[in-house]
């Protein structure tokens, strides 16, 4: 049976976990656009989102536990989290820009073009095609590196309300209460991330992008870059 204080903290943890994820597009937009561009399956997308979510929550939990154990002030912990937030936003911007440039290069190489052919009877013709249509998937290490880049960015990203609003008050109640509240916040955050990603992915696949298909990677990079800019400038 939870005490009134722990019941209130539990409700707060669940509410904050849901709202801070829903209102922060950086929690789900990168996964949606990357899954669309790279044609990840829903299962692969869910796993990548889950792993990044665990890294996102785990880094703040470890910082909070260390701060509480060492008696570091809440103000100082908030300062560290703010610094981590800036690093994560700039990392998101940088990754988006690099991926955008790579996507434009790929789109240029895969632009429609014509080839002329002359048959033995002297009759010639041309045909128009796109090399990218034959090689729509991404080869090499680039395919494996991208999820780890996202994971690193999410490890840097802080959960702003977790330490001051939830962990510190819960620690004053008991260690079990601290772990319980942290678990509720983390579980709701990750489930919300995965739910929004999978629902959005189902919706975006219905949007006809046939004419823009070769720009899918550039659009994904541009979207991620803009998402990072929004986080950095607007604090969303």
C-alpha atoms as a PDB file:
ATOM      1  CA  UNK A   1       0.000   0.000   0.000  1.00  0.00           C
ATOM      2  CA  UNK A   2       1.468   3.324  -1.055  1.00  0.00           C
ATOM      3  CA  UNK A   3       1.529   6.223   1.354  1.00  0.00           C
ATOM      4  CA  UNK A   4      -0.328   9.386   0.265  1.00  0.00           C
ATOM      5  CA  UNK A   5       3.006  11.028  -0.534  1.00  0.00           C
ATOM      6  CA  UNK A   6       4.184   8.092  -2.663  1.00  0.00           C
ATOM      7  CA  UNK A   7       0.804   7.826  -4.384  1.00  0.00           C
ATOM      8  CA  UNK A   8       1.059  11.506  -5.346  1.00  0.00           C
ATOM      9  CA  UNK A   9       4.636  11.033  -6.571  1.00  0.00           C
ATOM     10  CA  UNK A  10       3.579   7.973  -8.584  1.00  0.00           C
ATOM     11  CA  UNK A  11       0.786   9.898 -10.294  1.00  0.00           C
ATOM     12  CA  UNK A  12       3.175  12.780 -10.943  1.00  0.00           C
ATOM     13  CA  UNK A  13       5.783  10.402 -12.360  1.00  0.00           C
ATOM     14  CA  UNK A  14       3.309   8.811 -14.771  1.00  0.00           C
ATOM     15  CA  UNK A  15       1.909  12.191 -15.857  1.00  0.00           C
ATOM     16  CA  UNK A  16       5.334  13.771 -16.380  1.00  0.00           C
ATOM     17  CA  UNK A  17       6.618  10.690 -18.204  1.00  0.00           C
ATOM     18  CA  UNK A  18       3.751  10.924 -20.667  1.00  0.00           C
ATOM     19  CA  UNK A  19       3.642  14.687 -21.106  1.00  0.00           C
ATOM     20  CA  UNK A  20       7.372  15.379 -21.355  1.00  0.00           C
ATOM     21  CA  UNK A  21       7.599  12.704 -24.067  1.00  0.00           C
ATOM     22  CA  UNK A  22       4.511  13.837 -25.966  1.00  0.00           C
ATOM     23  CA  UNK A  23       5.591  17.489 -25.944  1.00  0.00           C
ATOM     24  CA  UNK A  24       9.185  16.711 -26.910  1.00  0.00           C
ATOM     25  CA  UNK A  25       9.320  15.781 -30.634  1.00  0.00           C
ATOM     26  CA  UNK A  26      12.978  14.830 -30.243  1.00  0.00           C
ATOM     27  CA  UNK A  27      11.735  11.768 -28.332  1.00  0.00           C
ATOM     28  CA  UNK A  28      10.063  10.232 -31.377  1.00  0.00           C
ATOM     29  CA  UNK A  29      10.470  12.242 -34.601  1.00  0.00           C
ATOM     30  CA  UNK A  30      14.034  11.030 -35.352  1.00  0.00           C
ATOM     31  CA  UNK A  31      12.890   7.403 -35.189  1.00  0.00           C
ATOM     32  CA  UNK A  32       9.886   7.999 -37.425  1.00  0.00           C
ATOM     33  CA  UNK A  33      11.793   9.755 -40.212  1.00  0.00           C
ATOM     34  CA  UNK A  34      14.794   7.409 -40.045  1.00  0.00           C
ATOM     35  CA  UNK A  35      12.554   4.348 -40.128  1.00  0.00           C
ATOM     36  CA  UNK A  36      10.759   5.776 -43.173  1.00  0.00           C
ATOM     37  CA  UNK A  37      13.986   6.691 -44.984  1.00  0.00           C
ATOM     38  CA  UNK A  38      15.825   3.447 -44.198  1.00  0.00           C
ATOM     39  CA  UNK A  39      12.772   1.244 -44.509  1.00  0.00           C
ATOM     40  CA  UNK A  40      13.197  -0.280 -41.083  1.00  0.00           C
ATOM     41  CA  UNK A  41      10.618  -2.872 -40.160  1.00  0.00           C
ATOM     42  CA  UNK A  42       8.239  -2.045 -37.335  1.00  0.00           C
ATOM     43  CA  UNK A  43       9.999  -4.588 -35.114  1.00  0.00           C
ATOM     44  CA  UNK A  44      13.436  -3.098 -35.820  1.00  0.00           C
ATOM     45  CA  UNK A  45      12.088   0.408 -35.248  1.00  0.00           C
ATOM     46  CA  UNK A  46      10.536  -0.641 -31.943  1.00  0.00           C
ATOM     47  CA  UNK A  47      13.785  -2.223 -30.745  1.00  0.00           C
ATOM     48  CA  UNK A  48      15.876   0.810 -31.676  1.00  0.00           C
ATOM     49  CA  UNK A  49      13.385   3.121 -29.949  1.00  0.00           C
ATOM     50  CA  UNK A  50      13.401   0.914 -26.851  1.00  0.00           C
ATOM     51  CA  UNK A  51      17.197   0.792 -26.614  1.00  0.00           C
ATOM     52  CA  UNK A  52      17.536   4.548 -27.119  1.00  0.00           C
ATOM     53  CA  UNK A  53      14.790   5.137 -24.556  1.00  0.00           C
ATOM     54  CA  UNK A  54      16.625   2.987 -22.012  1.00  0.00           C
ATOM     55  CA  UNK A  55      19.798   4.967 -22.639  1.00  0.00           C
ATOM     56  CA  UNK A  56      17.894   8.229 -22.316  1.00  0.00           C
ATOM     57  CA  UNK A  57      16.318   7.284 -18.977  1.00  0.00           C
ATOM     58  CA  UNK A  58      19.319   5.357 -17.652  1.00  0.00           C
ATOM     59  CA  UNK A  59      21.782   8.229 -17.992  1.00  0.00           C
ATOM     60  CA  UNK A  60      19.591  10.588 -15.947  1.00  0.00           C
ATOM     61  CA  UNK A  61      18.868   7.882 -13.371  1.00  0.00           C
ATOM     62  CA  UNK A  62      22.584   7.175 -12.893  1.00  0.00           C
ATOM     63  CA  UNK A  63      23.319  10.883 -12.535  1.00  0.00           C
ATOM     64  CA  UNK A  64      20.460  11.304 -10.069  1.00  0.00           C
ATOM     65  CA  UNK A  65      21.493   8.316  -7.951  1.00  0.00           C
ATOM     66  CA  UNK A  66      25.113   9.461  -7.886  1.00  0.00           C
ATOM     67  CA  UNK A  67      24.058  12.984  -6.952  1.00  0.00           C
ATOM     68  CA  UNK A  68      21.818  11.787  -4.135  1.00  0.00           C
ATOM     69  CA  UNK A  69      24.463   9.388  -2.812  1.00  0.00           C
ATOM     70  CA  UNK A  70      27.184  12.060  -2.879  1.00  0.00           C
ATOM     71  CA  UNK A  71      24.959  14.794  -1.517  1.00  0.00           C
ATOM     72  CA  UNK A  72      25.261  17.010  -4.596  1.00  0.00           C
ATOM     73  CA  UNK A  73      22.797  19.887  -4.549  1.00  0.00           C
ATOM     74  CA  UNK A  74      19.746  19.859  -6.785  1.00  0.00           C
ATOM     75  CA  UNK A  75      20.841  23.148  -8.363  1.00  0.00           C
ATOM     76  CA  UNK A  76      24.159  21.645  -9.413  1.00  0.00           C
ATOM     77  CA  UNK A  77      22.480  18.532 -10.792  1.00  0.00           C
ATOM     78  CA  UNK A  78      20.084  20.727 -12.781  1.00  0.00           C
ATOM     79  CA  UNK A  79      23.098  22.585 -14.179  1.00  0.00           C
ATOM     80  CA  UNK A  80      24.649  19.315 -15.329  1.00  0.00           C
ATOM     81  CA  UNK A  81      21.364  18.262 -16.918  1.00  0.00           C
ATOM     82  CA  UNK A  82      21.112  21.607 -18.719  1.00  0.00           C
ATOM     83  CA  UNK A  83      24.615  21.127 -20.115  1.00  0.00           C
ATOM     84  CA  UNK A  84      23.727  17.621 -21.257  1.00  0.00           C
ATOM     85  CA  UNK A  85      20.606  19.023 -22.911  1.00  0.00           C
ATOM     86  CA  UNK A  86      22.667  21.524 -24.897  1.00  0.00           C
ATOM     87  CA  UNK A  87      25.096  18.801 -25.989  1.00  0.00           C
ATOM     88  CA  UNK A  88      22.246  16.528 -27.084  1.00  0.00           C
ATOM     89  CA  UNK A  89      20.541  19.307 -29.060  1.00  0.00           C
ATOM     90  CA  UNK A  90      23.754  20.259 -30.869  1.00  0.00           C
ATOM     91  CA  UNK A  91      24.496  16.593 -31.548  1.00  0.00           C
ATOM     92  CA  UNK A  92      21.024  16.233 -33.057  1.00  0.00           C
ATOM     93  CA  UNK A  93      21.594  19.303 -35.232  1.00  0.00           C
ATOM     94  CA  UNK A  94      25.011  18.059 -36.378  1.00  0.00           C
ATOM     95  CA  UNK A  95      23.750  14.567 -37.158  1.00  0.00           C
ATOM     96  CA  UNK A  96      20.787  15.996 -39.061  1.00  0.00           C
ATOM     97  CA  UNK A  97      23.019  18.282 -41.146  1.00  0.00           C
ATOM     98  CA  UNK A  98      25.465  15.514 -42.009  1.00  0.00           C
ATOM     99  CA  UNK A  99      22.672  13.108 -42.878  1.00  0.00           C
ATOM    100  CA  UNK A 100      20.917  15.816 -44.921  1.00  0.00           C
ATOM    101  CA  UNK A 101      24.080  16.438 -46.955  1.00  0.00           C
ATOM    102  CA  UNK A 102      24.590  12.703 -47.468  1.00  0.00           C
ATOM    103  CA  UNK A 103      20.950  12.358 -48.515  1.00  0.00           C
ATOM    104  CA  UNK A 104      21.279  15.140 -51.089  1.00  0.00           C
ATOM    105  CA  UNK A 105      24.398  13.498 -52.511  1.00  0.00           C
ATOM    106  CA  UNK A 106      22.599  10.177 -52.711  1.00  0.00           C
ATOM    107  CA  UNK A 107      19.561  11.806 -54.366  1.00  0.00           C
ATOM    108  CA  UNK A 108      21.783  13.505 -56.949  1.00  0.00           C
ATOM    109  CA  UNK A 109      23.518  10.237 -57.815  1.00  0.00           C
ATOM    110  CA  UNK A 110      20.162   8.498 -58.148  1.00  0.00           C
ATOM    111  CA  UNK A 111      18.522  11.190 -60.286  1.00  0.00           C
ATOM    112  CA  UNK A 112      16.524   9.948 -63.312  1.00  0.00           C
ATOM    113  CA  UNK A 113      18.575   9.908 -66.498  1.00  0.00           C
ATOM    114  CA  UNK A 114      18.479   8.455 -69.998  1.00  0.00           C
ATOM    115  CA  UNK A 115      20.643   5.972 -71.845  1.00  0.00           C
ATOM    116  CA  UNK A 116      20.738   5.601 -75.613  1.00  0.00           C
ATOM    117  CA  UNK A 117      20.990   2.231 -77.375  1.00  0.00           C
ATOM    118  CA  UNK A 118      21.449   1.343 -81.051  1.00  0.00           C
ATOM    119  CA  UNK A 119      20.388  -2.139 -82.142  1.00  0.00           C
ATOM    120  CA  UNK A 120      21.964  -4.222 -84.899  1.00  0.00           C
ATOM    121  CA  UNK A 121      19.246  -3.148 -87.332  1.00  0.00           C
ATOM    122  CA  UNK A 122      20.311   0.466 -86.867  1.00  0.00           C
ATOM    123  CA  UNK A 123      17.230   1.491 -84.900  1.00  0.00           C
ATOM    124  CA  UNK A 124      18.072   3.438 -81.778  1.00  0.00           C
ATOM    125  CA  UNK A 125      16.087   4.241 -78.675  1.00  0.00           C
ATOM    126  CA  UNK A 126      16.531   5.724 -75.237  1.00  0.00           C
ATOM    127  CA  UNK A 127      15.217   4.595 -71.904  1.00  0.00           C
ATOM    128  CA  UNK A 128      14.884   6.507 -68.657  1.00  0.00           C
ATOM    129  CA  UNK A 129      15.702   4.907 -65.319  1.00  0.00           C
ATOM    130  CA  UNK A 130      16.944   5.516 -61.781  1.00  0.00           C
ATOM    131  CA  UNK A 131      19.833   3.534 -60.334  1.00  0.00           C
ATOM    132  CA  UNK A 132      18.417   3.996 -56.847  1.00  0.00           C
ATOM    133  CA  UNK A 133      15.373   1.946 -57.766  1.00  0.00           C
ATOM    134  CA  UNK A 134      17.610  -1.090 -58.044  1.00  0.00           C
ATOM    135  CA  UNK A 135      19.439  -0.364 -54.805  1.00  0.00           C
ATOM    136  CA  UNK A 136      16.881   1.189 -52.490  1.00  0.00           C
ATOM    137  CA  UNK A 137      18.444  -0.200 -49.350  1.00  0.00           C
ATOM    138  CA  UNK A 138      21.531   1.200 -47.678  1.00  0.00           C
ATOM    139  CA  UNK A 139      24.754  -0.770 -47.838  1.00  0.00           C
ATOM    140  CA  UNK A 140      27.763  -0.995 -45.590  1.00  0.00           C
ATOM    141  CA  UNK A 141      28.577   0.225 -42.118  1.00  0.00           C
ATOM    142  CA  UNK A 142      26.371   3.302 -42.540  1.00  0.00           C
ATOM    143  CA  UNK A 143      23.311   1.146 -41.949  1.00  0.00           C
ATOM    144  CA  UNK A 144      24.688  -0.204 -38.664  1.00  0.00           C
ATOM    145  CA  UNK A 145      26.166   3.070 -37.394  1.00  0.00           C
ATOM    146  CA  UNK A 146      22.985   5.160 -37.521  1.00  0.00           C
ATOM    147  CA  UNK A 147      21.153   3.446 -34.598  1.00  0.00           C
ATOM    148  CA  UNK A 148      24.271   3.844 -32.444  1.00  0.00           C
ATOM    149  CA  UNK A 149      24.485   7.533 -33.307  1.00  0.00           C
ATOM    150  CA  UNK A 150      20.882   7.937 -32.190  1.00  0.00           C
ATOM    151  CA  UNK A 151      21.617   5.953 -29.017  1.00  0.00           C
ATOM    152  CA  UNK A 152      24.576   8.214 -28.175  1.00  0.00           C
ATOM    153  CA  UNK A 153      22.469  11.331 -28.695  1.00  0.00           C
ATOM    154  CA  UNK A 154      19.724   9.955 -26.453  1.00  0.00           C
ATOM    155  CA  UNK A 155      22.211   9.025 -23.733  1.00  0.00           C
ATOM    156  CA  UNK A 156      23.322  12.660 -23.749  1.00  0.00           C
ATOM    157  CA  UNK A 157      19.725  13.894 -23.603  1.00  0.00           C
ATOM    158  CA  UNK A 158      18.465  14.562 -20.058  1.00  0.00           C
ATOM    159  CA  UNK A 159      15.052  13.854 -18.529  1.00  0.00           C
ATOM    160  CA  UNK A 160      14.666  17.333 -17.058  1.00  0.00           C
ATOM    161  CA  UNK A 161      11.909  16.700 -14.493  1.00  0.00           C
ATOM    162  CA  UNK A 162      13.191  13.346 -13.270  1.00  0.00           C
ATOM    163  CA  UNK A 163      15.833  14.355 -10.709  1.00  0.00           C
ATOM    164  CA  UNK A 164      14.443  17.519  -9.049  1.00  0.00           C
ATOM    165  CA  UNK A 165      10.724  16.742  -9.209  1.00  0.00           C
ATOM    166  CA  UNK A 166      10.702  12.974  -8.639  1.00  0.00           C
ATOM    167  CA  UNK A 167      13.970  11.384  -7.523  1.00  0.00           C
ATOM    168  CA  UNK A 168      14.925  13.830  -4.777  1.00  0.00           C
ATOM    169  CA  UNK A 169      11.466  13.873  -3.090  1.00  0.00           C
ATOM    170  CA  UNK A 170      11.146  10.084  -3.430  1.00  0.00           C
ATOM    171  CA  UNK A 171      14.593   9.560  -1.898  1.00  0.00           C
ATOM    172  CA  UNK A 172      13.378  11.337   1.237  1.00  0.00           C
ATOM    173  CA  UNK A 173      10.678   8.665   1.621  1.00  0.00           C
ATOM    174  CA  UNK A 174      12.681   5.454   1.073  1.00  0.00           C
ATOM    175  CA  UNK A 175      15.040   3.689  -1.321  1.00  0.00           C
ATOM    176  CA  UNK A 176      12.204   1.440  -2.516  1.00  0.00           C
ATOM    177  CA  UNK A 177      10.082   4.518  -3.149  1.00  0.00           C
ATOM    178  CA  UNK A 178      12.904   6.089  -5.127  1.00  0.00           C
ATOM    179  CA  UNK A 179      13.242   2.997  -7.312  1.00  0.00           C
ATOM    180  CA  UNK A 180       9.467   2.700  -7.742  1.00  0.00           C
ATOM    181  CA  UNK A 181       8.924   6.316  -8.830  1.00  0.00           C
ATOM    182  CA  UNK A 182      11.930   6.192 -11.147  1.00  0.00           C
ATOM    183  CA  UNK A 183      10.646   2.967 -12.688  1.00  0.00           C
ATOM    184  CA  UNK A 184       7.158   4.422 -13.261  1.00  0.00           C
ATOM    185  CA  UNK A 185       8.571   7.520 -14.933  1.00  0.00           C
ATOM    186  CA  UNK A 186      10.958   5.501 -17.095  1.00  0.00           C
ATOM    187  CA  UNK A 187       8.368   2.906 -18.067  1.00  0.00           C
ATOM    188  CA  UNK A 188       5.745   5.463 -19.067  1.00  0.00           C
ATOM    189  CA  UNK A 189       8.335   7.507 -20.991  1.00  0.00           C
ATOM    190  CA  UNK A 190       9.580   4.537 -23.021  1.00  0.00           C
ATOM    191  CA  UNK A 191       6.092   3.165 -23.688  1.00  0.00           C
ATOM    192  CA  UNK A 192       4.954   6.609 -24.846  1.00  0.00           C
ATOM    193  CA  UNK A 193       7.989   6.912 -27.125  1.00  0.00           C
ATOM    194  CA  UNK A 194       7.332   3.524 -28.705  1.00  0.00           C
ATOM    195  CA  UNK A 195       3.605   4.116 -29.027  1.00  0.00           C
ATOM    196  CA  UNK A 196       3.975   7.480 -30.764  1.00  0.00           C
ATOM    197  CA  UNK A 197       6.722   6.147 -33.053  1.00  0.00           C
ATOM    198  CA  UNK A 198       4.744   3.111 -34.190  1.00  0.00           C
ATOM    199  CA  UNK A 199       1.486   5.028 -34.625  1.00  0.00           C
ATOM    200  CA  UNK A 200       3.237   7.812 -36.552  1.00  0.00           C
ATOM    201  CA  UNK A 201       5.098   5.293 -38.686  1.00  0.00           C
ATOM    202  CA  UNK A 202       1.823   3.646 -39.607  1.00  0.00           C
ATOM    203  CA  UNK A 203       0.424   7.013 -40.637  1.00  0.00           C
ATOM    204  CA  UNK A 204       3.436   8.249 -42.581  1.00  0.00           C
ATOM    205  CA  UNK A 205       3.520   5.124 -44.725  1.00  0.00           C
ATOM    206  CA  UNK A 206       0.087   6.137 -46.057  1.00  0.00           C
ATOM    207  CA  UNK A 207       1.435   9.444 -47.372  1.00  0.00           C
ATOM    208  CA  UNK A 208       2.249   9.168 -51.103  1.00  0.00           C
ATOM    209  CA  UNK A 209       5.899  10.150 -51.522  1.00  0.00           C
ATOM    210  CA  UNK A 210       6.649   8.403 -54.785  1.00  0.00           C
ATOM    211  CA  UNK A 211       8.003  11.539 -56.471  1.00  0.00           C
ATOM    212  CA  UNK A 212      10.136  12.370 -53.421  1.00  0.00           C
ATOM    213  CA  UNK A 213      11.330   8.868 -52.632  1.00  0.00           C
ATOM    214  CA  UNK A 214      14.919   9.522 -53.658  1.00  0.00           C
ATOM    215  CA  UNK A 215      14.962  12.520 -51.304  1.00  0.00           C
ATOM    216  CA  UNK A 216      13.829  10.414 -48.323  1.00  0.00           C
ATOM    217  CA  UNK A 217      17.247  10.508 -46.628  1.00  0.00           C
ATOM    218  CA  UNK A 218      17.690  14.246 -47.192  1.00  0.00           C
ATOM    219  CA  UNK A 219      14.200  14.910 -45.819  1.00  0.00           C
ATOM    220  CA  UNK A 220      14.954  12.762 -42.780  1.00  0.00           C
ATOM    221  CA  UNK A 221      18.207  14.606 -42.106  1.00  0.00           C
ATOM    222  CA  UNK A 222      16.561  18.000 -42.542  1.00  0.00           C
ATOM    223  CA  UNK A 223      13.737  17.039 -40.193  1.00  0.00           C
ATOM    224  CA  UNK A 224      16.167  15.839 -37.506  1.00  0.00           C
ATOM    225  CA  UNK A 225      18.215  19.027 -37.861  1.00  0.00           C
ATOM    226  CA  UNK A 226      15.111  21.209 -37.474  1.00  0.00           C
ATOM    227  CA  UNK A 227      14.059  19.104 -34.480  1.00  0.00           C
ATOM    228  CA  UNK A 228      17.438  19.785 -32.844  1.00  0.00           C
ATOM    229  CA  UNK A 229      17.139  23.498 -33.600  1.00  0.00           C
ATOM    230  CA  UNK A 230      13.678  23.547 -31.994  1.00  0.00           C
ATOM    231  CA  UNK A 231      15.019  21.816 -28.895  1.00  0.00           C
ATOM    232  CA  UNK A 232      17.961  24.202 -28.630  1.00  0.00           C
ATOM    233  CA  UNK A 233      16.114  27.442 -29.340  1.00  0.00           C
ATOM    234  CA  UNK A 234      12.629  26.802 -27.985  1.00  0.00           C
ATOM    235  CA  UNK A 235      13.439  24.297 -25.253  1.00  0.00           C
ATOM    236  CA  UNK A 236      10.718  21.886 -26.430  1.00  0.00           C
END
